[in-house]
Amino acid sequence: MTMRKTYTPERALLFVAVLYSEEAFYEKARERLAEVFGEPPFESRRLRWDHSEYYRDELGWPITRRFMAFGRAFDTASIREVKLFTNRLEEELSAGGRRRVNLDPGYITEAKVVLATTKNYPHRIYLGSGIFAEVTLFYTKGCYRAHRFTYRDYGTPEYLDVFHRMRGLLRQTLPRVAGSA
């Protein structure tokens, strides 16, 4: 039996999806994220978020979603640490005992979009320290597609357009990695 070779993971970009109702909290979160990960070369436009009322009491209403992607090559093995950092940042930006921003980090590759989360479900992989990851979208036949468990908003044409734009940034800015697809 021959030993299988291992390869460097495919090139990836870090992104953070932000939910908020007050622009000032988005700006504070953006500033802190930029301090740590560098100035984001991509920020989506403001997207109305009305897919549930789950965050209404905590964040306020109406809720806005924005995505930002960071331009440096991202080591996908560090997504757990990024999620732990964004959890601390959410706490830091809390006011009156309420979280004012929801920060969902993930990474995008040419083949998939991966989200980090603290919520365990059967389709998620445990990364340690209370953090899980899921492949939220996969790329096939020229576009990203949702899985059965994908959050509804991530499968909308608006969000898919955001991820296709981030994929373009990835392809333009990061060199191919030896051994990647």
N, C-alpha and C. Protein backbone atom coordinates (compact mmCIF):
# COMPACT_ATOMS: atom_id res chain seq x y z
N MET A 1 0.85 -1.17 0.00
CA MET A 1 0.00 0.00 0.00
C MET A 1 0.90 1.24 0.00
N THR A 2 0.60 2.18 -0.87
CA THR A 2 1.39 3.41 -0.94
C THR A 2 0.76 4.49 -0.07
N MET A 3 1.64 5.30 0.46
CA MET A 3 1.21 6.41 1.30
C MET A 3 0.67 7.53 0.42
N ARG A 4 -0.47 8.09 0.78
CA ARG A 4 -1.03 9.22 0.05
C ARG A 4 -0.26 10.48 0.38
N LYS A 5 -0.05 11.30 -0.64
CA LYS A 5 0.60 12.59 -0.43
C LYS A 5 -0.43 13.58 0.11
N THR A 6 0.04 14.50 0.90
CA THR A 6 -0.83 15.57 1.36
C THR A 6 -0.52 16.82 0.55
N TYR A 7 -1.48 17.70 0.47
CA TYR A 7 -1.35 18.92 -0.31
C TYR A 7 -1.72 20.12 0.53
N THR A 8 -1.19 21.24 0.16
CA THR A 8 -1.57 22.50 0.76
C THR A 8 -3.03 22.77 0.41
N PRO A 9 -3.83 23.25 1.36
CA PRO A 9 -5.23 23.54 1.03
C PRO A 9 -5.34 24.56 -0.10
N GLU A 10 -6.49 24.56 -0.74
CA GLU A 10 -6.71 25.52 -1.83
C GLU A 10 -6.67 26.94 -1.31
N ARG A 11 -6.41 27.88 -2.21
CA ARG A 11 -6.35 29.29 -1.82
C ARG A 11 -7.72 29.73 -1.30
N ALA A 12 -7.70 30.65 -0.35
CA ALA A 12 -8.93 31.07 0.30
C ALA A 12 -8.84 32.52 0.73
N LEU A 13 -10.00 33.14 0.83
CA LEU A 13 -10.14 34.49 1.39
C LEU A 13 -11.05 34.43 2.60
N LEU A 14 -10.68 35.15 3.63
CA LEU A 14 -11.53 35.31 4.80
C LEU A 14 -12.61 36.34 4.49
N PHE A 15 -13.82 36.07 4.96
CA PHE A 15 -14.89 37.07 4.90
C PHE A 15 -15.60 37.09 6.24
N VAL A 16 -16.30 38.18 6.50
CA VAL A 16 -17.15 38.28 7.68
C VAL A 16 -18.49 38.82 7.21
N ALA A 17 -19.55 38.11 7.60
CA ALA A 17 -20.92 38.56 7.35
C ALA A 17 -21.39 39.26 8.62
N VAL A 18 -21.91 40.47 8.47
CA VAL A 18 -22.28 41.29 9.62
C VAL A 18 -23.77 41.59 9.57
N LEU A 19 -24.45 41.33 10.69
CA LEU A 19 -25.84 41.75 10.87
C LEU A 19 -25.85 42.87 11.89
N TYR A 20 -26.64 43.92 11.63
CA TYR A 20 -26.71 45.06 12.54
C TYR A 20 -27.93 45.88 12.21
N SER A 21 -28.33 46.74 13.13
CA SER A 21 -29.42 47.68 12.83
C SER A 21 -28.95 49.13 12.92
N GLU A 22 -27.84 49.36 13.61
CA GLU A 22 -27.31 50.72 13.73
C GLU A 22 -25.96 50.80 13.02
N GLU A 23 -25.86 51.71 12.07
CA GLU A 23 -24.65 51.85 11.25
C GLU A 23 -23.40 52.08 12.10
N ALA A 24 -23.53 52.78 13.20
CA ALA A 24 -22.36 53.08 14.05
C ALA A 24 -21.71 51.79 14.56
N PHE A 25 -22.51 50.78 14.86
CA PHE A 25 -21.95 49.52 15.34
C PHE A 25 -21.27 48.75 14.21
N TYR A 26 -21.82 48.86 13.02
CA TYR A 26 -21.14 48.25 11.86
C TYR A 26 -19.77 48.89 11.67
N GLU A 27 -19.73 50.21 11.73
CA GLU A 27 -18.47 50.93 11.53
C GLU A 27 -17.43 50.57 12.59
N LYS A 28 -17.87 50.43 13.84
CA LYS A 28 -16.94 50.03 14.91
C LYS A 28 -16.40 48.62 14.64
N ALA A 29 -17.29 47.71 14.26
CA ALA A 29 -16.86 46.34 13.96
C ALA A 29 -15.91 46.33 12.77
N ARG A 30 -16.24 47.09 11.75
CA ARG A 30 -15.40 47.14 10.54
C ARG A 30 -14.00 47.65 10.89
N GLU A 31 -13.95 48.69 11.71
CA GLU A 31 -12.66 49.26 12.11
C GLU A 31 -11.79 48.23 12.83
N ARG A 32 -12.37 47.51 13.78
CA ARG A 32 -11.61 46.49 14.53
C ARG A 32 -11.20 45.33 13.63
N LEU A 33 -12.09 44.90 12.75
CA LEU A 33 -11.74 43.81 11.83
C LEU A 33 -10.60 44.23 10.91
N ALA A 34 -10.64 45.47 10.43
CA ALA A 34 -9.58 45.97 9.55
C ALA A 34 -8.25 46.06 10.30
N GLU A 35 -8.27 46.41 11.57
CA GLU A 35 -7.03 46.45 12.37
C GLU A 35 -6.37 45.08 12.41
N VAL A 36 -7.17 44.03 12.51
CA VAL A 36 -6.65 42.68 12.67
C VAL A 36 -6.35 42.00 11.33
N PHE A 37 -7.25 42.16 10.36
CA PHE A 37 -7.14 41.41 9.09
C PHE A 37 -6.75 42.26 7.89
N GLY A 38 -6.60 43.56 8.09
CA GLY A 38 -6.27 44.46 6.99
C GLY A 38 -7.53 45.07 6.40
N GLU A 39 -7.34 46.14 5.68
CA GLU A 39 -8.45 46.85 5.05
C GLU A 39 -9.15 45.92 4.06
N PRO A 40 -10.47 45.77 4.15
CA PRO A 40 -11.16 44.87 3.23
C PRO A 40 -11.24 45.46 1.81
N PRO A 41 -10.74 44.75 0.80
CA PRO A 41 -10.85 45.25 -0.57
C PRO A 41 -12.26 45.06 -1.15
N PHE A 42 -13.11 44.33 -0.40
CA PHE A 42 -14.48 44.12 -0.86
C PHE A 42 -15.43 44.32 0.30
N GLU A 43 -16.46 45.14 0.06
CA GLU A 43 -17.59 45.27 0.98
C GLU A 43 -18.85 45.28 0.14
N SER A 44 -19.80 44.47 0.55
CA SER A 44 -21.06 44.43 -0.18
C SER A 44 -21.86 45.70 0.11
N ARG A 45 -22.85 45.92 -0.69
CA ARG A 45 -23.79 46.99 -0.38
C ARG A 45 -24.64 46.53 0.81
N ARG A 46 -25.41 47.42 1.35
CA ARG A 46 -26.31 47.08 2.45
C ARG A 46 -27.44 46.21 1.90
N LEU A 47 -27.66 45.07 2.54
CA LEU A 47 -28.71 44.15 2.14
C LEU A 47 -29.74 44.06 3.26
N ARG A 48 -30.99 44.25 2.91
CA ARG A 48 -32.04 44.13 3.92
C ARG A 48 -32.09 42.70 4.41
N TRP A 49 -32.18 42.52 5.73
CA TRP A 49 -32.23 41.17 6.30
C TRP A 49 -33.55 41.01 7.06
N ASP A 50 -34.45 40.26 6.44
CA ASP A 50 -35.76 40.04 7.06
C ASP A 50 -36.15 38.56 6.95
N HIS A 51 -35.16 37.70 7.10
CA HIS A 51 -35.38 36.26 6.91
C HIS A 51 -35.96 35.59 8.15
N SER A 52 -35.89 36.25 9.30
CA SER A 52 -36.54 35.77 10.52
C SER A 52 -36.54 36.92 11.51
N GLU A 53 -37.17 36.70 12.64
CA GLU A 53 -37.18 37.71 13.70
C GLU A 53 -36.24 37.32 14.84
N TYR A 54 -35.40 36.32 14.60
CA TYR A 54 -34.53 35.75 15.63
C TYR A 54 -33.67 36.82 16.31
N TYR A 55 -33.12 37.76 15.56
CA TYR A 55 -32.19 38.75 16.12
C TYR A 55 -32.85 40.08 16.47
N ARG A 56 -34.14 40.20 16.24
CA ARG A 56 -34.83 41.49 16.38
C ARG A 56 -34.66 42.11 17.77
N ASP A 57 -34.93 41.35 18.84
CA ASP A 57 -34.83 41.91 20.19
C ASP A 57 -33.41 42.31 20.55
N GLU A 58 -32.46 41.54 20.04
CA GLU A 58 -31.06 41.79 20.39
C GLU A 58 -30.45 42.93 19.59
N LEU A 59 -30.63 42.90 18.26
CA LEU A 59 -29.97 43.87 17.38
C LEU A 59 -30.80 45.11 17.10
N GLY A 60 -32.11 45.02 17.26
CA GLY A 60 -33.00 46.10 16.84
C GLY A 60 -33.57 45.79 15.47
N TRP A 61 -34.33 46.76 14.92
CA TRP A 61 -35.00 46.54 13.63
C TRP A 61 -35.09 47.85 12.91
N PRO A 62 -34.99 47.90 11.62
CA PRO A 62 -34.73 46.81 10.68
C PRO A 62 -33.25 46.38 10.74
N ILE A 63 -33.01 45.15 10.31
CA ILE A 63 -31.66 44.59 10.33
C ILE A 63 -31.07 44.63 8.93
N THR A 64 -29.79 44.96 8.88
CA THR A 64 -29.04 45.03 7.63
C THR A 64 -27.94 43.98 7.66
N ARG A 65 -27.65 43.41 6.49
CA ARG A 65 -26.52 42.47 6.34
C ARG A 65 -25.51 43.10 5.39
N ARG A 66 -24.25 43.01 5.76
CA ARG A 66 -23.16 43.38 4.86
C ARG A 66 -22.08 42.32 4.96
N PHE A 67 -21.39 42.12 3.86
CA PHE A 67 -20.26 41.20 3.81
C PHE A 67 -19.01 42.02 3.54
N MET A 68 -17.91 41.61 4.16
CA MET A 68 -16.61 42.18 3.79
C MET A 68 -15.63 41.02 3.64
N ALA A 69 -14.79 41.13 2.63
CA ALA A 69 -13.75 40.12 2.39
C ALA A 69 -12.40 40.78 2.52
N PHE A 70 -11.46 40.03 3.04
CA PHE A 70 -10.11 40.53 3.30
C PHE A 70 -9.16 39.96 2.25
N GLY A 71 -8.23 40.78 1.79
CA GLY A 71 -7.45 40.46 0.60
C GLY A 71 -6.24 39.57 0.76
N ARG A 72 -5.85 39.26 1.97
CA ARG A 72 -4.69 38.40 2.16
C ARG A 72 -5.09 36.93 2.04
N ALA A 73 -4.12 36.11 1.65
CA ALA A 73 -4.36 34.67 1.63
C ALA A 73 -4.73 34.24 3.05
N PHE A 74 -5.71 33.38 3.17
CA PHE A 74 -6.22 32.96 4.47
C PHE A 74 -5.92 31.49 4.70
N ASP A 75 -5.34 31.20 5.86
CA ASP A 75 -5.08 29.83 6.27
C ASP A 75 -6.38 29.26 6.84
N THR A 76 -7.01 28.37 6.10
CA THR A 76 -8.34 27.87 6.48
C THR A 76 -8.33 27.16 7.83
N ALA A 77 -7.19 26.64 8.25
CA ALA A 77 -7.10 25.96 9.55
C ALA A 77 -7.29 26.93 10.71
N SER A 78 -7.22 28.23 10.47
CA SER A 78 -7.34 29.22 11.55
C SER A 78 -8.76 29.77 11.70
N ILE A 79 -9.74 29.21 11.01
CA ILE A 79 -11.11 29.74 11.08
C ILE A 79 -11.66 29.67 12.51
N ARG A 80 -11.29 28.66 13.26
CA ARG A 80 -11.75 28.55 14.65
C ARG A 80 -11.30 29.78 15.46
N GLU A 81 -10.03 30.16 15.32
CA GLU A 81 -9.52 31.31 16.07
C GLU A 81 -10.19 32.60 15.63
N VAL A 82 -10.50 32.70 14.35
CA VAL A 82 -11.20 33.89 13.85
C VAL A 82 -12.58 33.98 14.48
N LYS A 83 -13.30 32.85 14.55
CA LYS A 83 -14.64 32.85 15.15
C LYS A 83 -14.56 33.21 16.64
N LEU A 84 -13.56 32.69 17.34
CA LEU A 84 -13.40 33.06 18.75
C LEU A 84 -13.14 34.56 18.89
N PHE A 85 -12.33 35.13 17.99
CA PHE A 85 -12.08 36.58 18.00
C PHE A 85 -13.37 37.35 17.73
N THR A 86 -14.15 36.95 16.72
CA THR A 86 -15.38 37.69 16.41
C THR A 86 -16.39 37.58 17.55
N ASN A 87 -16.40 36.45 18.26
CA ASN A 87 -17.28 36.34 19.43
C ASN A 87 -16.88 37.36 20.49
N ARG A 88 -15.58 37.50 20.72
CA ARG A 88 -15.10 38.50 21.70
C ARG A 88 -15.45 39.92 21.23
N LEU A 89 -15.31 40.17 19.95
CA LEU A 89 -15.63 41.49 19.40
C LEU A 89 -17.13 41.79 19.56
N GLU A 90 -17.97 40.81 19.33
CA GLU A 90 -19.41 41.01 19.55
C GLU A 90 -19.67 41.43 21.00
N GLU A 91 -19.00 40.77 21.93
CA GLU A 91 -19.14 41.10 23.34
C GLU A 91 -18.65 42.52 23.63
N GLU A 92 -17.50 42.84 23.06
CA GLU A 92 -16.90 44.16 23.25
C GLU A 92 -17.83 45.27 22.76
N LEU A 93 -18.56 45.01 21.69
CA LEU A 93 -19.44 46.02 21.10
C LEU A 93 -20.87 45.96 21.64
N SER A 94 -21.12 45.08 22.60
CA SER A 94 -22.45 44.99 23.20
C SER A 94 -22.76 46.27 23.96
N ALA A 95 -24.04 46.58 24.05
CA ALA A 95 -24.48 47.77 24.77
C ALA A 95 -25.78 47.45 25.49
N GLY A 96 -25.86 47.84 26.73
CA GLY A 96 -27.08 47.60 27.49
C GLY A 96 -27.41 46.13 27.63
N GLY A 97 -26.38 45.29 27.69
CA GLY A 97 -26.60 43.86 27.83
C GLY A 97 -27.07 43.17 26.55
N ARG A 98 -27.03 43.91 25.44
CA ARG A 98 -27.48 43.34 24.16
C ARG A 98 -26.35 43.37 23.15
N ARG A 99 -26.26 42.31 22.39
CA ARG A 99 -25.31 42.28 21.28
C ARG A 99 -25.83 43.25 20.22
N ARG A 100 -24.94 44.07 19.67
CA ARG A 100 -25.35 45.08 18.68
C ARG A 100 -24.94 44.72 17.26
N VAL A 101 -24.03 43.77 17.13
CA VAL A 101 -23.64 43.23 15.83
C VAL A 101 -23.55 41.71 15.96
N ASN A 102 -23.86 41.04 14.88
CA ASN A 102 -23.65 39.60 14.77
C ASN A 102 -22.59 39.42 13.70
N LEU A 103 -21.47 38.77 14.07
CA LEU A 103 -20.34 38.61 13.16
C LEU A 103 -20.17 37.13 12.84
N ASP A 104 -20.36 36.79 11.58
CA ASP A 104 -20.22 35.41 11.13
C ASP A 104 -19.05 35.30 10.17
N PRO A 105 -17.89 34.84 10.66
CA PRO A 105 -16.76 34.68 9.75
C PRO A 105 -16.86 33.38 8.96
N GLY A 106 -16.21 33.42 7.82
CA GLY A 106 -16.12 32.23 6.99
C GLY A 106 -14.99 32.44 6.01
N TYR A 107 -14.86 31.48 5.12
CA TYR A 107 -13.89 31.66 4.05
C TYR A 107 -14.47 31.15 2.76
N ILE A 108 -13.93 31.70 1.69
CA ILE A 108 -14.39 31.35 0.36
C ILE A 108 -13.20 30.81 -0.43
N THR A 109 -13.46 29.72 -1.15
CA THR A 109 -12.48 29.17 -2.07
C THR A 109 -13.17 29.10 -3.43
N GLU A 110 -12.44 28.68 -4.43
CA GLU A 110 -13.08 28.53 -5.74
C GLU A 110 -14.16 27.45 -5.70
N ALA A 111 -14.05 26.50 -4.76
CA ALA A 111 -14.96 25.36 -4.73
C ALA A 111 -16.07 25.46 -3.70
N LYS A 112 -15.91 26.33 -2.68
CA LYS A 112 -16.90 26.32 -1.60
C LYS A 112 -16.87 27.60 -0.78
N VAL A 113 -17.95 27.76 0.00
CA VAL A 113 -18.06 28.80 1.01
C VAL A 113 -18.27 28.07 2.34
N VAL A 114 -17.41 28.37 3.32
CA VAL A 114 -17.45 27.71 4.62
C VAL A 114 -17.75 28.76 5.68
N LEU A 115 -18.69 28.45 6.57
CA LEU A 115 -19.02 29.32 7.69
C LEU A 115 -18.57 28.68 9.00
N ALA A 116 -18.13 29.51 9.95
CA ALA A 116 -17.83 29.07 11.31
C ALA A 116 -18.99 29.47 12.20
N THR A 117 -19.31 28.63 13.16
CA THR A 117 -20.47 28.86 14.02
C THR A 117 -20.26 28.22 15.39
N THR A 118 -21.05 28.66 16.35
CA THR A 118 -21.05 28.01 17.67
C THR A 118 -22.18 27.01 17.78
N LYS A 119 -23.01 26.91 16.77
CA LYS A 119 -24.18 26.02 16.81
C LYS A 119 -23.85 24.67 16.18
N ASN A 120 -24.13 23.61 16.92
CA ASN A 120 -23.89 22.26 16.44
C ASN A 120 -25.15 21.68 15.79
N TYR A 121 -24.99 21.15 14.60
CA TYR A 121 -26.05 20.40 13.92
C TYR A 121 -25.39 19.22 13.24
N PRO A 122 -26.16 18.23 12.81
CA PRO A 122 -25.57 17.01 12.26
C PRO A 122 -24.65 17.21 11.06
N HIS A 123 -24.82 18.27 10.31
CA HIS A 123 -24.01 18.49 9.12
C HIS A 123 -22.76 19.33 9.38
N ARG A 124 -22.50 19.66 10.62
CA ARG A 124 -21.36 20.50 10.95
C ARG A 124 -20.24 19.68 11.58
N ILE A 125 -19.02 20.17 11.36
CA ILE A 125 -17.82 19.51 11.85
C ILE A 125 -17.27 20.30 13.04
N TYR A 126 -16.97 19.60 14.13
CA TYR A 126 -16.42 20.25 15.32
C TYR A 126 -14.94 20.57 15.10
N LEU A 127 -14.57 21.83 15.39
CA LEU A 127 -13.19 22.29 15.22
C LEU A 127 -12.46 22.45 16.54
N GLY A 128 -13.17 22.35 17.65
CA GLY A 128 -12.58 22.57 18.97
C GLY A 128 -13.01 23.90 19.55
N SER A 129 -12.87 24.05 20.87
CA SER A 129 -13.18 25.30 21.58
C SER A 129 -14.62 25.77 21.35
N GLY A 130 -15.54 24.84 21.13
CA GLY A 130 -16.95 25.19 20.94
C GLY A 130 -17.29 25.73 19.56
N ILE A 131 -16.42 25.56 18.59
CA ILE A 131 -16.62 26.10 17.24
C ILE A 131 -16.81 24.96 16.24
N PHE A 132 -17.77 25.16 15.34
CA PHE A 132 -18.09 24.20 14.28
C PHE A 132 -17.94 24.89 12.94
N ALA A 133 -17.85 24.10 11.88
CA ALA A 133 -17.78 24.66 10.53
C ALA A 133 -18.72 23.87 9.63
N GLU A 134 -19.22 24.56 8.62
CA GLU A 134 -20.06 23.90 7.63
C GLU A 134 -19.74 24.43 6.25
N VAL A 135 -19.84 23.56 5.26
CA VAL A 135 -19.78 24.00 3.87
C VAL A 135 -21.18 24.52 3.57
N THR A 136 -21.29 25.82 3.39
CA THR A 136 -22.59 26.47 3.19
C THR A 136 -23.01 26.47 1.72
N LEU A 137 -22.05 26.72 0.84
CA LEU A 137 -22.29 26.72 -0.60
C LEU A 137 -21.19 25.92 -1.27
N PHE A 138 -21.51 25.31 -2.39
CA PHE A 138 -20.50 24.61 -3.18
C PHE A 138 -20.60 25.08 -4.62
N TYR A 139 -19.47 25.10 -5.32
CA TYR A 139 -19.40 25.63 -6.67
C TYR A 139 -19.44 24.48 -7.68
N THR A 140 -20.40 24.53 -8.57
CA THR A 140 -20.50 23.54 -9.63
C THR A 140 -21.25 24.15 -10.81
N LYS A 141 -20.87 23.73 -11.99
CA LYS A 141 -21.53 24.19 -13.23
C LYS A 141 -21.61 25.71 -13.31
N GLY A 142 -20.52 26.37 -12.92
CA GLY A 142 -20.42 27.82 -13.10
C GLY A 142 -21.03 28.68 -12.04
N CYS A 143 -21.49 28.11 -10.92
CA CYS A 143 -22.05 28.96 -9.87
C CYS A 143 -22.06 28.24 -8.52
N TYR A 144 -22.19 29.04 -7.47
CA TYR A 144 -22.35 28.48 -6.13
C TYR A 144 -23.78 28.00 -5.98
N ARG A 145 -23.93 26.92 -5.23
CA ARG A 145 -25.25 26.34 -4.97
C ARG A 145 -25.39 26.03 -3.49
N ALA A 146 -26.63 26.08 -3.02
CA ALA A 146 -26.92 25.81 -1.62
C ALA A 146 -27.10 24.31 -1.38
N HIS A 147 -26.83 23.92 -0.14
CA HIS A 147 -27.12 22.58 0.35
C HIS A 147 -28.50 22.57 1.00
N ARG A 148 -28.93 21.42 1.40
CA ARG A 148 -30.21 21.26 2.11
C ARG A 148 -30.24 22.10 3.39
N PHE A 149 -29.10 22.20 4.09
CA PHE A 149 -29.06 22.88 5.38
C PHE A 149 -28.62 24.33 5.30
N THR A 150 -28.33 24.82 4.12
CA THR A 150 -27.86 26.20 3.96
C THR A 150 -28.90 27.19 4.48
N TYR A 151 -28.44 28.19 5.24
CA TYR A 151 -29.36 29.26 5.66
C TYR A 151 -30.04 29.84 4.42
N ARG A 152 -31.34 30.09 4.53
CA ARG A 152 -32.12 30.55 3.36
C ARG A 152 -31.53 31.78 2.69
N ASP A 153 -31.07 32.75 3.50
CA ASP A 153 -30.55 33.98 2.90
C ASP A 153 -29.29 33.71 2.07
N TYR A 154 -28.49 32.74 2.45
CA TYR A 154 -27.26 32.44 1.71
C TYR A 154 -27.55 31.85 0.33
N GLY A 155 -28.74 31.36 0.11
CA GLY A 155 -29.10 30.82 -1.19
C GLY A 155 -29.83 31.80 -2.10
N THR A 156 -30.01 33.05 -1.64
CA THR A 156 -30.73 34.03 -2.45
C THR A 156 -29.84 34.57 -3.57
N PRO A 157 -30.44 35.02 -4.66
CA PRO A 157 -29.64 35.59 -5.76
C PRO A 157 -28.73 36.72 -5.31
N GLU A 158 -29.19 37.57 -4.38
CA GLU A 158 -28.36 38.68 -3.88
C GLU A 158 -27.09 38.18 -3.22
N TYR A 159 -27.23 37.19 -2.36
CA TYR A 159 -26.06 36.67 -1.65
C TYR A 159 -25.15 35.90 -2.60
N LEU A 160 -25.75 35.12 -3.49
CA LEU A 160 -24.94 34.36 -4.45
C LEU A 160 -24.11 35.33 -5.30
N ASP A 161 -24.69 36.47 -5.65
CA ASP A 161 -23.95 37.48 -6.41
C ASP A 161 -22.75 37.98 -5.59
N VAL A 162 -22.96 38.21 -4.29
CA VAL A 162 -21.87 38.65 -3.41
C VAL A 162 -20.74 37.61 -3.43
N PHE A 163 -21.09 36.34 -3.30
CA PHE A 163 -20.06 35.31 -3.25
C PHE A 163 -19.36 35.13 -4.60
N HIS A 164 -20.07 35.33 -5.68
CA HIS A 164 -19.41 35.27 -6.99
C HIS A 164 -18.43 36.44 -7.16
N ARG A 165 -18.79 37.59 -6.62
CA ARG A 165 -17.87 38.73 -6.67
C ARG A 165 -16.64 38.48 -5.81
N MET A 166 -16.84 37.89 -4.63
CA MET A 166 -15.70 37.54 -3.78
C MET A 166 -14.83 36.49 -4.45
N ARG A 167 -15.45 35.56 -5.14
CA ARG A 167 -14.69 34.52 -5.86
C ARG A 167 -13.82 35.18 -6.94
N GLY A 168 -14.36 36.18 -7.61
CA GLY A 168 -13.58 36.93 -8.60
C GLY A 168 -12.38 37.61 -7.96
N LEU A 169 -12.59 38.21 -6.77
CA LEU A 169 -11.48 38.83 -6.05
C LEU A 169 -10.42 37.78 -5.70
N LEU A 170 -10.86 36.64 -5.24
CA LEU A 170 -9.94 35.55 -4.91
C LEU A 170 -9.10 35.17 -6.13
N ARG A 171 -9.73 35.00 -7.25
CA ARG A 171 -9.03 34.57 -8.46
C ARG A 171 -8.08 35.65 -8.96
N GLN A 172 -8.42 36.92 -8.77
CA GLN A 172 -7.58 38.02 -9.25
C GLN A 172 -6.39 38.29 -8.35
N THR A 173 -6.56 38.11 -7.04
CA THR A 173 -5.55 38.58 -6.11
C THR A 173 -4.63 37.52 -5.55
N LEU A 174 -5.06 36.27 -5.51
CA LEU A 174 -4.22 35.24 -4.89
C LEU A 174 -3.68 34.28 -5.92
N PRO A 175 -2.39 34.01 -5.87
CA PRO A 175 -1.82 33.05 -6.82
C PRO A 175 -2.33 31.65 -6.52
N ARG A 176 -2.32 30.81 -7.52
CA ARG A 176 -2.69 29.42 -7.34
C ARG A 176 -1.71 28.75 -6.40
N VAL A 177 -2.18 27.82 -5.62
CA VAL A 177 -1.35 27.06 -4.68
C VAL A 177 -1.02 25.72 -5.33
N ALA A 178 0.23 25.33 -5.27
CA ALA A 178 0.64 24.03 -5.84
C ALA A 178 -0.20 22.92 -5.23
N GLY A 179 -0.72 22.05 -6.07
CA GLY A 179 -1.52 20.93 -5.60
C GLY A 179 -2.98 21.25 -5.43
N SER A 180 -3.41 22.50 -5.66
CA SER A 180 -4.82 22.82 -5.52
C SER A 180 -5.54 22.62 -6.84
N ALA A 181 -6.83 22.53 -6.74
CA ALA A 181 -7.65 22.28 -7.94
C ALA A 181 -7.70 23.49 -8.85
